[in-house]
């Protein structure tokens, strides 16, 4: 039986997958942007619209910070991690929808499908434990405020 403050295995899997994604995709593209046929330099997507150059690198940095915050929050079962998970899932779905609508590049539709699969996998791993984020925060500090039992 699982202890009240023990992290569920699916949350651990979600946190590790996000960490792997952050290291392999976001950080790698931030450090060594690869060439794309439509750009000579860094490219990222902000809410479904391509951005280039310094703005792309800033977006990679922001994506990396959000991904690492999500990993930390899920790992420690913080209440805000569930809310951040919903925000990230909504942002990814909206961004993929706008990207497909604006650019209509059917040859690259596999990236939108990949992101839809990632969002569903993330939600499938985290959703069943959404109530535990409120009840059992691992190493949660109360900052001197006593809560009712």
C-alpha atoms as a PDB file:
ATOM      1  CA  UNK A   1       0.000   0.000   0.000  1.00  0.00           C
ATOM      2  CA  UNK A   2       1.195   3.481  -0.858  1.00  0.00           C
ATOM      3  CA  UNK A   3       2.076   5.913   1.917  1.00  0.00           C
ATOM      4  CA  UNK A   4       0.167   9.233   1.887  1.00  0.00           C
ATOM      5  CA  UNK A   5       3.222  11.318   1.033  1.00  0.00           C
ATOM      6  CA  UNK A   6       4.680   8.910  -1.521  1.00  0.00           C
ATOM      7  CA  UNK A   7       4.664   9.993  -5.163  1.00  0.00           C
ATOM      8  CA  UNK A   8       2.584   7.756  -7.484  1.00  0.00           C
ATOM      9  CA  UNK A   9       4.598   5.889 -10.120  1.00  0.00           C
ATOM     10  CA  UNK A  10       2.727   7.549 -12.997  1.00  0.00           C
ATOM     11  CA  UNK A  11       3.721  10.988 -11.662  1.00  0.00           C
ATOM     12  CA  UNK A  12       7.340   9.826 -11.502  1.00  0.00           C
ATOM     13  CA  UNK A  13       7.083   8.600 -15.104  1.00  0.00           C
ATOM     14  CA  UNK A  14       5.546  11.913 -16.229  1.00  0.00           C
ATOM     15  CA  UNK A  15       8.277  13.925 -14.475  1.00  0.00           C
ATOM     16  CA  UNK A  16      11.041  11.788 -16.001  1.00  0.00           C
ATOM     17  CA  UNK A  17       9.522  12.018 -19.497  1.00  0.00           C
ATOM     18  CA  UNK A  18       9.291  15.810 -19.209  1.00  0.00           C
ATOM     19  CA  UNK A  19      12.897  15.965 -17.973  1.00  0.00           C
ATOM     20  CA  UNK A  20      14.001  13.789 -20.922  1.00  0.00           C
ATOM     21  CA  UNK A  21      12.054  15.996 -23.347  1.00  0.00           C
ATOM     22  CA  UNK A  22      13.536  19.150 -21.796  1.00  0.00           C
ATOM     23  CA  UNK A  23      17.070  17.804 -22.101  1.00  0.00           C
ATOM     24  CA  UNK A  24      16.802  16.228 -25.540  1.00  0.00           C
ATOM     25  CA  UNK A  25      14.593  18.686 -27.401  1.00  0.00           C
ATOM     26  CA  UNK A  26      14.459  22.069 -25.712  1.00  0.00           C
ATOM     27  CA  UNK A  27      17.978  22.287 -24.246  1.00  0.00           C
ATOM     28  CA  UNK A  28      19.599  20.753 -27.315  1.00  0.00           C
ATOM     29  CA  UNK A  29      17.805  23.145 -29.655  1.00  0.00           C
ATOM     30  CA  UNK A  30      18.724  26.024 -27.316  1.00  0.00           C
ATOM     31  CA  UNK A  31      22.432  25.116 -27.323  1.00  0.00           C
ATOM     32  CA  UNK A  32      22.799  23.880 -30.903  1.00  0.00           C
ATOM     33  CA  UNK A  33      19.923  25.015 -33.121  1.00  0.00           C
ATOM     34  CA  UNK A  34      19.697  22.792 -36.161  1.00  0.00           C
ATOM     35  CA  UNK A  35      19.163  24.077 -39.659  1.00  0.00           C
ATOM     36  CA  UNK A  36      15.669  24.089 -41.064  1.00  0.00           C
ATOM     37  CA  UNK A  37      14.871  24.596 -44.738  1.00  0.00           C
ATOM     38  CA  UNK A  38      12.839  27.736 -44.000  1.00  0.00           C
ATOM     39  CA  UNK A  39      15.353  29.443 -41.658  1.00  0.00           C
ATOM     40  CA  UNK A  40      19.052  30.048 -41.276  1.00  0.00           C
ATOM     41  CA  UNK A  41      19.327  29.929 -37.498  1.00  0.00           C
ATOM     42  CA  UNK A  42      17.247  29.318 -34.402  1.00  0.00           C
ATOM     43  CA  UNK A  43      13.507  28.835 -34.829  1.00  0.00           C
ATOM     44  CA  UNK A  44      10.806  28.242 -32.246  1.00  0.00           C
ATOM     45  CA  UNK A  45       7.031  28.398 -32.122  1.00  0.00           C
ATOM     46  CA  UNK A  46       5.132  30.807 -29.890  1.00  0.00           C
ATOM     47  CA  UNK A  47       1.432  30.046 -29.718  1.00  0.00           C
ATOM     48  CA  UNK A  48       1.549  28.381 -33.126  1.00  0.00           C
ATOM     49  CA  UNK A  49       3.533  31.123 -34.890  1.00  0.00           C
ATOM     50  CA  UNK A  50       7.179  30.725 -35.873  1.00  0.00           C
ATOM     51  CA  UNK A  51       9.707  33.082 -34.318  1.00  0.00           C
ATOM     52  CA  UNK A  52      13.310  33.400 -35.400  1.00  0.00           C
ATOM     53  CA  UNK A  53      16.706  34.419 -34.054  1.00  0.00           C
ATOM     54  CA  UNK A  54      16.967  35.909 -30.575  1.00  0.00           C
ATOM     55  CA  UNK A  55      13.206  35.605 -29.967  1.00  0.00           C
ATOM     56  CA  UNK A  56      13.449  31.885 -30.691  1.00  0.00           C
ATOM     57  CA  UNK A  57      16.295  31.495 -28.219  1.00  0.00           C
ATOM     58  CA  UNK A  58      14.339  33.421 -25.576  1.00  0.00           C
ATOM     59  CA  UNK A  59      11.366  31.135 -26.174  1.00  0.00           C
ATOM     60  CA  UNK A  60      13.614  28.078 -25.812  1.00  0.00           C
ATOM     61  CA  UNK A  61      14.842  29.453 -22.482  1.00  0.00           C
ATOM     62  CA  UNK A  62      11.260  30.064 -21.308  1.00  0.00           C
ATOM     63  CA  UNK A  63      10.192  26.574 -22.420  1.00  0.00           C
ATOM     64  CA  UNK A  64      13.138  25.077 -20.557  1.00  0.00           C
ATOM     65  CA  UNK A  65      12.291  26.970 -17.347  1.00  0.00           C
ATOM     66  CA  UNK A  66       8.621  25.903 -17.536  1.00  0.00           C
ATOM     67  CA  UNK A  67       9.561  22.271 -18.245  1.00  0.00           C
ATOM     68  CA  UNK A  68      12.011  22.153 -15.330  1.00  0.00           C
ATOM     69  CA  UNK A  69       9.486  23.835 -13.025  1.00  0.00           C
ATOM     70  CA  UNK A  70       6.918  21.236 -14.056  1.00  0.00           C
ATOM     71  CA  UNK A  71       9.373  18.408 -13.346  1.00  0.00           C
ATOM     72  CA  UNK A  72      10.193  19.872  -9.914  1.00  0.00           C
ATOM     73  CA  UNK A  73       6.529  20.459  -9.076  1.00  0.00           C
ATOM     74  CA  UNK A  74       5.437  16.986 -10.147  1.00  0.00           C
ATOM     75  CA  UNK A  75       8.373  15.344  -8.404  1.00  0.00           C
ATOM     76  CA  UNK A  76       7.503  17.030  -5.108  1.00  0.00           C
ATOM     77  CA  UNK A  77       3.714  16.800  -5.665  1.00  0.00           C
ATOM     78  CA  UNK A  78       3.164  20.537  -5.296  1.00  0.00           C
ATOM     79  CA  UNK A  79      -0.372  21.846  -5.712  1.00  0.00           C
ATOM     80  CA  UNK A  80       0.669  24.309  -8.421  1.00  0.00           C
ATOM     81  CA  UNK A  81       2.133  21.448 -10.496  1.00  0.00           C
ATOM     82  CA  UNK A  82      -1.370  20.200 -11.358  1.00  0.00           C
ATOM     83  CA  UNK A  83      -2.371  23.716 -12.444  1.00  0.00           C
ATOM     84  CA  UNK A  84       0.843  24.104 -14.452  1.00  0.00           C
ATOM     85  CA  UNK A  85       0.171  20.733 -16.088  1.00  0.00           C
ATOM     86  CA  UNK A  86      -3.248  21.970 -17.232  1.00  0.00           C
ATOM     87  CA  UNK A  87      -1.740  25.234 -18.507  1.00  0.00           C
ATOM     88  CA  UNK A  88       1.032  23.432 -20.439  1.00  0.00           C
ATOM     89  CA  UNK A  89      -1.435  20.932 -21.934  1.00  0.00           C
ATOM     90  CA  UNK A  90      -3.816  23.714 -23.003  1.00  0.00           C
ATOM     91  CA  UNK A  91      -0.971  25.795 -24.443  1.00  0.00           C
ATOM     92  CA  UNK A  92       0.408  22.837 -26.413  1.00  0.00           C
ATOM     93  CA  UNK A  93      -3.004  21.943 -27.864  1.00  0.00           C
ATOM     94  CA  UNK A  94      -3.775  25.554 -28.797  1.00  0.00           C
ATOM     95  CA  UNK A  95      -0.319  26.103 -30.252  1.00  0.00           C
ATOM     96  CA  UNK A  96      -0.475  22.916 -32.351  1.00  0.00           C
ATOM     97  CA  UNK A  97      -3.951  23.852 -33.618  1.00  0.00           C
ATOM     98  CA  UNK A  98      -2.865  27.369 -34.621  1.00  0.00           C
ATOM     99  CA  UNK A  99       0.332  26.044 -36.222  1.00  0.00           C
ATOM    100  CA  UNK A 100      -1.552  23.540 -38.378  1.00  0.00           C
ATOM    101  CA  UNK A 101      -4.176  26.148 -39.322  1.00  0.00           C
ATOM    102  CA  UNK A 102      -1.720  28.925 -40.204  1.00  0.00           C
ATOM    103  CA  UNK A 103       1.012  27.001 -42.013  1.00  0.00           C
ATOM    104  CA  UNK A 104      -0.965  24.069 -43.453  1.00  0.00           C
ATOM    105  CA  UNK A 105       2.201  22.044 -43.982  1.00  0.00           C
ATOM    106  CA  UNK A 106       0.856  18.550 -44.344  1.00  0.00           C
ATOM    107  CA  UNK A 107       4.371  17.154 -44.632  1.00  0.00           C
ATOM    108  CA  UNK A 108       5.029  18.356 -41.058  1.00  0.00           C
ATOM    109  CA  UNK A 109       1.669  17.376 -39.576  1.00  0.00           C
ATOM    110  CA  UNK A 110       3.449  14.571 -37.712  1.00  0.00           C
ATOM    111  CA  UNK A 111       4.802  17.172 -35.251  1.00  0.00           C
ATOM    112  CA  UNK A 112       1.284  18.347 -34.392  1.00  0.00           C
ATOM    113  CA  UNK A 113       0.166  14.741 -33.960  1.00  0.00           C
ATOM    114  CA  UNK A 114       3.219  14.099 -31.771  1.00  0.00           C
ATOM    115  CA  UNK A 115       2.296  17.044 -29.516  1.00  0.00           C
ATOM    116  CA  UNK A 116      -1.304  15.876 -29.244  1.00  0.00           C
ATOM    117  CA  UNK A 117      -0.043  12.437 -28.189  1.00  0.00           C
ATOM    118  CA  UNK A 118       2.337  14.041 -25.655  1.00  0.00           C
ATOM    119  CA  UNK A 119      -0.481  16.136 -24.158  1.00  0.00           C
ATOM    120  CA  UNK A 120      -2.773  13.113 -23.842  1.00  0.00           C
ATOM    121  CA  UNK A 121       0.002  11.020 -22.314  1.00  0.00           C
ATOM    122  CA  UNK A 122       0.832  13.776 -19.813  1.00  0.00           C
ATOM    123  CA  UNK A 123      -2.813  14.150 -18.811  1.00  0.00           C
ATOM    124  CA  UNK A 124      -3.316  10.372 -18.622  1.00  0.00           C
ATOM    125  CA  UNK A 125      -0.364  10.044 -16.243  1.00  0.00           C
ATOM    126  CA  UNK A 126      -1.201  13.021 -14.016  1.00  0.00           C
ATOM    127  CA  UNK A 127      -5.025  13.335 -14.044  1.00  0.00           C
ATOM    128  CA  UNK A 128      -5.820  10.270 -11.887  1.00  0.00           C
ATOM    129  CA  UNK A 129      -3.766  11.792  -9.041  1.00  0.00           C
ATOM    130  CA  UNK A 130      -4.975  15.405  -9.281  1.00  0.00           C
ATOM    131  CA  UNK A 131      -6.550  15.347  -5.813  1.00  0.00           C
ATOM    132  CA  UNK A 132      -3.348  14.093  -4.192  1.00  0.00           C
ATOM    133  CA  UNK A 133      -1.558  17.283  -5.209  1.00  0.00           C
ATOM    134  CA  UNK A 134      -3.766  19.150  -2.752  1.00  0.00           C
ATOM    135  CA  UNK A 135      -3.579  16.574   0.029  1.00  0.00           C
ATOM    136  CA  UNK A 136      -0.008  15.299   0.039  1.00  0.00           C
ATOM    137  CA  UNK A 137       2.688  17.722  -0.997  1.00  0.00           C
ATOM    138  CA  UNK A 138       6.048  16.097  -0.475  1.00  0.00           C
ATOM    139  CA  UNK A 139       8.334  18.453   1.491  1.00  0.00           C
ATOM    140  CA  UNK A 140       5.687  21.170   1.401  1.00  0.00           C
ATOM    141  CA  UNK A 141       6.531  24.070   3.681  1.00  0.00           C
ATOM    142  CA  UNK A 142       3.703  25.681   5.597  1.00  0.00           C
ATOM    143  CA  UNK A 143       5.701  28.827   6.442  1.00  0.00           C
ATOM    144  CA  UNK A 144       4.464  28.788  10.023  1.00  0.00           C
ATOM    145  CA  UNK A 145       0.764  28.587   9.115  1.00  0.00           C
ATOM    146  CA  UNK A 146      -1.059  25.816  10.926  1.00  0.00           C
ATOM    147  CA  UNK A 147      -3.683  24.001   8.932  1.00  0.00           C
ATOM    148  CA  UNK A 148      -6.750  22.237  10.224  1.00  0.00           C
ATOM    149  CA  UNK A 149      -6.542  18.462  10.132  1.00  0.00           C
END
